[in-house]
Amino acid sequence: MTPTGVRALACFVSLFSMLPIALADAPCNKGYRDTTPAERARIRAALQAAKSALPPAPEGWQLRGGDDISVTTSICQDGEAVPWDYSFSRSYGQVGDYEKRQKSFEDAAALAEAERAKQQPRIDALQAEMMAIMQNQMALNQKGDYDGAQKLQPQLEKKQVEFDRALSAGSEHVAAAGNEYQRDLEMSIAVRMNADSERPRDGATQLPRPAGALAAVRWPSASSDDSNDSALYLFGFWKQWPDGSWQSGTRAGVPTSGPHAVSVLVTADRERLADFVQKIDFAKIAAIVN
């Protein structure tokens, strides 16, 4: 992977959505209608509360993408009878130690190149040996001695393993540097109103619950190369199923455009997550559904 490739991996797009669940790709049989001023005001208030609860970028970090609130002006009438799904997200990117990360990666690439250069004579010799074996196999096949040609195959395969090993000399340095380059590089918080369901990963552990929270759990990334952990906090009306998933419900007396169930999903480096979560004003989140 080149430094340019790593920089590309380091960049990600901030996802911000505020769309009712009925505005998905499914066909809208009943047609769309304009949302009312009261509905838009209700949605905006919930999103504004979510936005005000999230921390600014820490020192050495910056916000990625836009940070504005957008309220839908139309809704498919097929799904307006159930709570509308909308959200506010904020993504953060690490910029304070870019030069250090870049130099570390370039140093690893240089070290890998040096180790491969040392292996070049061995690479050339193995390549010549494999070519000689293949030529012998071709000659035997032309004579009809297929068994003799097949007997040379284990030799060829052994040389191929040695060749691949020599060719990849130093690659572990680049891989390790690439993982370190991307460690603690980005984090995000997504506050979602009326998600149909939330499902923590298997093996999630319990976290201290902020006041008003129904649940708080944490789990590691599914990838061993990813140092990010995730934490999920639930507020409002939720029901947990035996498989560990949570299903949102409807609060009595609240319009479907209002917040019934709120989920907060935080993703950050495992060493930073606990401190990052402390910066969230969960009291404002809880007030959204109180």
Protein backbone atom coordinates (compact mmCIF):
# COMPACT_ATOMS: atom_id res chain seq x y z
CA MET A 1 0.00 0.00 0.00
CA THR A 2 1.44 3.39 -0.99
CA PRO A 3 1.31 6.48 1.23
CA THR A 4 -1.24 7.87 -1.21
CA GLY A 5 -3.36 4.77 -0.70
CA VAL A 6 -3.19 5.12 3.04
CA ARG A 7 -4.19 8.76 2.82
CA ALA A 8 -7.18 7.70 0.76
CA LEU A 9 -8.12 5.15 3.39
CA ALA A 10 -7.71 7.76 6.08
CA CYS A 11 -10.34 9.98 4.46
CA PHE A 12 -13.96 9.12 4.96
CA VAL A 13 -17.22 10.79 4.19
CA SER A 14 -19.35 12.16 7.01
CA LEU A 15 -22.79 10.65 6.71
CA PHE A 16 -25.68 12.88 7.69
CA SER A 17 -29.25 11.80 7.09
CA MET A 18 -32.60 13.00 8.20
CA LEU A 19 -35.10 10.92 6.24
CA PRO A 20 -38.32 9.29 7.43
CA ILE A 21 -38.25 5.54 7.12
CA ALA A 22 -40.99 5.74 4.50
CA LEU A 23 -38.66 7.56 2.12
CA ALA A 24 -36.52 4.50 1.46
CA ASP A 25 -36.22 2.80 -1.92
CA ALA A 26 -39.50 0.93 -1.53
CA PRO A 27 -42.37 2.14 -3.74
CA CYS A 28 -44.73 4.71 -2.27
CA ASN A 29 -48.24 3.50 -3.08
CA LYS A 30 -50.19 6.25 -1.32
CA GLY A 31 -47.99 9.03 -2.62
CA TYR A 32 -46.09 11.76 -0.82
CA ARG A 33 -47.40 14.72 1.12
CA ASP A 34 -45.75 17.84 2.45
CA THR A 35 -44.83 17.76 6.11
CA THR A 36 -46.62 20.35 8.20
CA PRO A 37 -44.90 23.27 9.96
CA ALA A 38 -45.63 21.59 13.30
CA GLU A 39 -44.06 18.32 12.17
CA ARG A 40 -40.99 20.07 10.85
CA ALA A 41 -40.65 22.08 14.05
CA ARG A 42 -40.94 18.90 16.13
CA ILE A 43 -38.22 17.16 14.10
CA ARG A 44 -35.96 20.21 14.13
CA ALA A 45 -36.25 20.51 17.90
CA ALA A 46 -35.21 16.87 18.40
CA LEU A 47 -32.29 17.21 16.00
CA GLN A 48 -31.18 20.50 17.53
CA ALA A 49 -31.20 18.91 20.97
CA ALA A 50 -29.10 16.02 19.65
CA LYS A 51 -26.66 18.38 17.98
CA SER A 52 -26.27 20.52 21.12
CA ALA A 53 -25.48 17.38 23.15
CA LEU A 54 -22.47 16.39 21.05
CA PRO A 55 -18.95 17.63 21.84
CA PRO A 56 -16.90 19.84 19.54
CA ALA A 57 -13.74 18.47 17.92
CA PRO A 58 -11.01 17.90 20.53
CA GLU A 59 -7.60 19.52 20.15
CA GLY A 60 -5.81 18.00 17.18
CA TRP A 61 -9.09 16.93 15.58
CA GLN A 62 -11.54 18.53 13.19
CA LEU A 63 -15.13 17.92 12.15
CA ARG A 64 -15.56 15.99 8.90
CA GLY A 65 -18.26 17.05 6.46
CA GLY A 66 -21.22 19.29 7.17
CA ASP A 67 -22.70 19.94 10.59
CA ASP A 68 -26.05 21.42 9.62
CA ILE A 69 -29.52 20.20 10.48
CA SER A 70 -31.78 19.23 7.59
CA VAL A 71 -35.49 18.57 8.01
CA THR A 72 -37.51 16.66 5.45
CA THR A 73 -40.27 18.56 3.67
CA SER A 74 -42.23 15.53 2.40
CA ILE A 75 -43.12 12.04 3.55
CA CYS A 76 -44.54 8.91 1.95
CA GLN A 77 -48.00 8.35 3.36
CA ASP A 78 -47.48 4.56 3.35
CA GLY A 79 -45.38 4.78 6.50
CA GLU A 80 -46.42 7.99 8.22
CA ALA A 81 -48.49 6.09 10.80
CA VAL A 82 -45.37 4.67 12.45
CA PRO A 83 -42.63 6.77 14.14
CA TRP A 84 -40.46 8.50 11.57
CA ASP A 85 -36.78 7.62 11.39
CA TYR A 86 -34.37 10.59 11.34
CA SER A 87 -30.91 11.31 12.74
CA PHE A 88 -28.03 13.66 13.32
CA SER A 89 -24.43 12.49 12.98
CA ARG A 90 -21.09 14.09 13.66
CA SER A 91 -17.77 12.70 12.44
CA TYR A 92 -14.30 13.69 13.62
CA GLY A 93 -10.90 13.31 11.94
CA GLN A 94 -7.47 13.28 13.56
CA VAL A 95 -5.18 15.94 12.06
CA GLY A 96 -2.79 16.84 14.86
CA ASP A 97 -0.14 14.20 14.16
CA TYR A 98 -0.43 13.78 10.40
CA GLU A 99 3.28 14.42 9.72
CA LYS A 100 4.30 11.90 12.37
CA ARG A 101 2.01 9.24 10.92
CA GLN A 102 3.22 9.95 7.40
CA LYS A 103 6.89 9.72 8.35
CA SER A 104 6.32 6.48 10.25
CA PHE A 105 4.69 4.93 7.21
CA GLU A 106 7.39 6.17 4.83
CA ASP A 107 10.12 4.84 7.16
CA ALA A 108 8.42 1.42 7.19
CA ALA A 109 8.15 1.44 3.40
CA ALA A 110 11.85 2.29 3.10
CA LEU A 111 12.76 -0.51 5.51
CA ALA A 112 10.64 -2.97 3.55
CA GLU A 113 12.27 -1.91 0.30
CA ALA A 114 15.73 -2.36 1.81
CA GLU A 115 14.90 -5.87 3.03
CA ARG A 116 13.49 -6.80 -0.35
CA ALA A 117 16.61 -5.48 -2.06
CA LYS A 118 18.70 -7.84 0.08
CA GLN A 119 16.53 -10.70 -1.14
CA GLN A 120 16.85 -9.81 -4.83
CA PRO A 121 19.72 -12.24 -5.57
CA ARG A 122 17.72 -15.02 -3.93
CA ILE A 123 14.61 -13.98 -5.86
CA ASP A 124 16.50 -14.09 -9.17
CA ALA A 125 18.03 -17.50 -8.35
CA LEU A 126 14.66 -19.01 -7.37
CA GLN A 127 13.04 -17.63 -10.49
CA ALA A 128 15.74 -19.29 -12.62
CA GLU A 129 15.35 -22.57 -10.75
CA MET A 130 11.58 -22.57 -11.23
CA MET A 131 11.98 -21.83 -14.91
CA ALA A 132 14.40 -24.75 -15.26
CA ILE A 133 11.95 -27.13 -13.56
CA MET A 134 9.07 -25.98 -15.79
CA GLN A 135 11.21 -26.43 -18.89
CA ASN A 136 12.05 -29.97 -17.78
CA GLN A 137 8.35 -30.66 -17.23
CA MET A 138 7.53 -29.39 -20.72
CA ALA A 139 10.21 -31.58 -22.24
CA LEU A 140 8.95 -34.67 -20.41
CA ASN A 141 5.36 -33.92 -21.41
CA GLN A 142 6.41 -33.62 -25.06
CA LYS A 143 7.98 -37.08 -24.78
CA GLY A 144 4.78 -38.42 -23.27
CA ASP A 145 6.38 -38.97 -19.87
CA TYR A 146 3.55 -37.38 -17.91
CA ASP A 147 4.40 -39.25 -14.71
CA GLY A 148 7.95 -37.96 -14.84
CA ALA A 149 6.71 -34.40 -15.32
CA GLN A 150 4.31 -34.77 -12.40
CA LYS A 151 7.11 -36.00 -10.13
CA LEU A 152 8.83 -32.63 -10.59
CA GLN A 153 5.75 -30.74 -9.38
CA PRO A 154 6.57 -30.93 -5.62
CA GLN A 155 9.97 -29.37 -6.36
CA LEU A 156 8.33 -26.56 -8.27
CA GLU A 157 5.81 -25.91 -5.52
CA LYS A 158 8.54 -25.82 -2.87
CA LYS A 159 10.52 -23.30 -4.91
CA GLN A 160 7.35 -21.24 -5.38
CA VAL A 161 6.81 -21.02 -1.61
CA GLU A 162 10.42 -19.89 -1.14
CA PHE A 163 10.05 -17.39 -3.97
CA ASP A 164 6.88 -15.87 -2.49
CA ARG A 165 8.50 -15.60 0.92
CA ALA A 166 11.55 -13.82 -0.49
CA LEU A 167 9.39 -11.54 -2.62
CA SER A 168 7.33 -10.43 0.39
CA ALA A 169 10.34 -9.65 2.57
CA GLY A 170 9.65 -6.56 4.67
CA SER A 171 5.94 -6.46 3.89
CA GLU A 172 5.11 -6.99 7.57
CA HIS A 173 6.64 -3.59 8.31
CA VAL A 174 4.33 -1.88 5.83
CA ALA A 175 1.30 -3.78 7.15
CA ALA A 176 2.08 -2.85 10.76
CA ALA A 177 2.73 0.78 9.83
CA GLY A 178 -0.51 0.89 7.84
CA ASN A 179 -2.48 -0.34 10.85
CA GLU A 180 -0.77 2.19 13.10
CA TYR A 181 -1.38 4.95 10.56
CA GLN A 182 -5.12 4.34 10.74
CA ARG A 183 -5.29 3.82 14.52
CA ASP A 184 -7.19 6.56 16.36
CA LEU A 185 -7.68 8.39 13.07
CA GLU A 186 -11.46 8.91 13.11
CA MET A 187 -14.44 8.75 15.42
CA SER A 188 -18.14 9.44 15.15
CA ILE A 189 -21.41 9.87 17.04
CA ALA A 190 -24.81 9.15 15.51
CA VAL A 191 -28.00 10.10 17.33
CA ARG A 192 -30.95 8.40 15.71
CA MET A 193 -34.61 8.93 16.42
CA ASN A 194 -37.05 6.02 15.99
CA ALA A 195 -34.71 3.46 14.44
CA ASP A 196 -36.72 0.29 13.90
CA SER A 197 -34.17 -1.77 15.80
CA GLU A 198 -30.63 -1.77 17.21
CA ARG A 199 -28.44 -4.84 17.60
CA PRO A 200 -25.16 -4.81 19.53
CA ARG A 201 -22.48 -7.22 18.33
CA ASP A 202 -22.16 -10.58 20.07
CA GLY A 203 -20.02 -10.34 23.17
CA ALA A 204 -21.04 -6.79 23.99
CA THR A 205 -20.33 -5.76 27.58
CA GLN A 206 -22.42 -3.55 29.83
CA LEU A 207 -21.45 0.08 30.47
CA PRO A 208 -22.58 2.44 33.23
CA ARG A 209 -25.92 3.86 32.14
CA PRO A 210 -26.32 7.64 32.04
CA ALA A 211 -29.37 9.02 33.82
CA GLY A 212 -32.47 8.17 31.84
CA ALA A 213 -30.79 5.56 29.63
CA LEU A 214 -32.44 2.18 29.20
CA ALA A 215 -29.28 0.40 28.06
CA ALA A 216 -25.56 1.04 27.52
CA VAL A 217 -23.24 -1.53 25.93
CA ARG A 218 -19.84 -1.64 24.24
CA TRP A 219 -18.21 -4.00 21.75
CA PRO A 220 -14.99 -4.20 19.68
CA SER A 221 -14.74 -4.02 15.91
CA ALA A 222 -15.27 -7.23 13.95
CA SER A 223 -11.89 -6.69 12.27
CA SER A 224 -8.69 -7.47 14.15
CA ASP A 225 -6.98 -4.65 12.21
CA ASP A 226 -9.49 -2.07 13.43
CA SER A 227 -8.71 -0.48 16.80
CA ASN A 228 -12.13 1.16 17.09
CA ASP A 229 -14.74 0.11 19.62
CA SER A 230 -18.42 1.02 19.55
CA ALA A 231 -20.77 2.03 22.37
CA LEU A 232 -24.56 2.09 22.13
CA TYR A 233 -26.91 4.01 24.42
CA LEU A 234 -30.70 3.69 24.27
CA PHE A 235 -33.30 6.15 25.55
CA GLY A 236 -37.08 6.14 25.36
CA PHE A 237 -39.29 3.19 24.38
CA TRP A 238 -37.34 -0.02 23.55
CA LYS A 239 -38.02 -3.71 24.01
CA GLN A 240 -35.18 -6.25 24.14
CA TRP A 241 -35.54 -9.64 22.45
CA PRO A 242 -33.85 -12.91 23.56
CA ASP A 243 -31.27 -12.61 20.77
CA GLY A 244 -29.97 -9.37 22.31
CA SER A 245 -31.50 -7.01 19.75
CA TRP A 246 -33.71 -4.08 20.70
CA GLN A 247 -37.00 -3.14 19.03
CA SER A 248 -38.27 0.42 19.22
CA GLY A 249 -41.85 1.19 20.24
CA THR A 250 -44.35 4.02 20.37
CA ARG A 251 -44.80 6.45 23.23
CA ALA A 252 -48.41 7.23 24.06
CA GLY A 253 -49.51 10.73 23.16
CA VAL A 254 -46.48 11.49 20.96
CA PRO A 255 -47.06 12.16 17.24
CA THR A 256 -45.30 9.86 14.81
CA SER A 257 -43.07 12.75 13.75
CA GLY A 258 -41.85 13.08 17.34
CA PRO A 259 -39.08 11.12 19.09
CA HIS A 260 -40.22 7.83 20.62
CA ALA A 261 -36.94 5.91 20.88
CA VAL A 262 -33.45 7.39 20.67
CA SER A 263 -30.21 5.53 20.05
CA VAL A 264 -26.70 6.97 20.36
CA LEU A 265 -23.94 5.05 18.61
CA VAL A 266 -20.38 6.15 19.41
CA THR A 267 -17.34 4.79 17.55
CA ALA A 268 -13.77 5.66 18.55
CA ASP A 269 -10.39 4.11 19.27
CA ARG A 270 -10.62 1.70 22.18
CA GLU A 271 -8.20 3.82 24.22
CA ARG A 272 -10.13 7.02 23.55
CA LEU A 273 -13.74 5.82 23.65
CA ALA A 274 -14.38 6.12 27.40
CA ASP A 275 -13.08 9.69 27.56
CA PHE A 276 -14.89 10.63 24.35
CA VAL A 277 -18.22 9.36 25.69
CA GLN A 278 -17.80 11.51 28.81
CA LYS A 279 -17.94 14.61 26.60
CA ILE A 280 -21.51 13.84 25.45
CA ASP A 281 -24.27 15.68 27.30
CA PHE A 282 -26.53 12.68 27.87
CA ALA A 283 -28.93 14.78 29.92
CA LYS A 284 -29.90 16.60 26.72
CA ILE A 285 -30.31 13.28 24.94
CA ALA A 286 -32.54 11.94 27.69
CA ALA A 287 -34.63 15.12 27.58
CA ILE A 288 -35.51 14.42 23.95
CA VAL A 289 -37.82 11.60 25.02
CA ASN A 290 -38.85 12.93 28.44
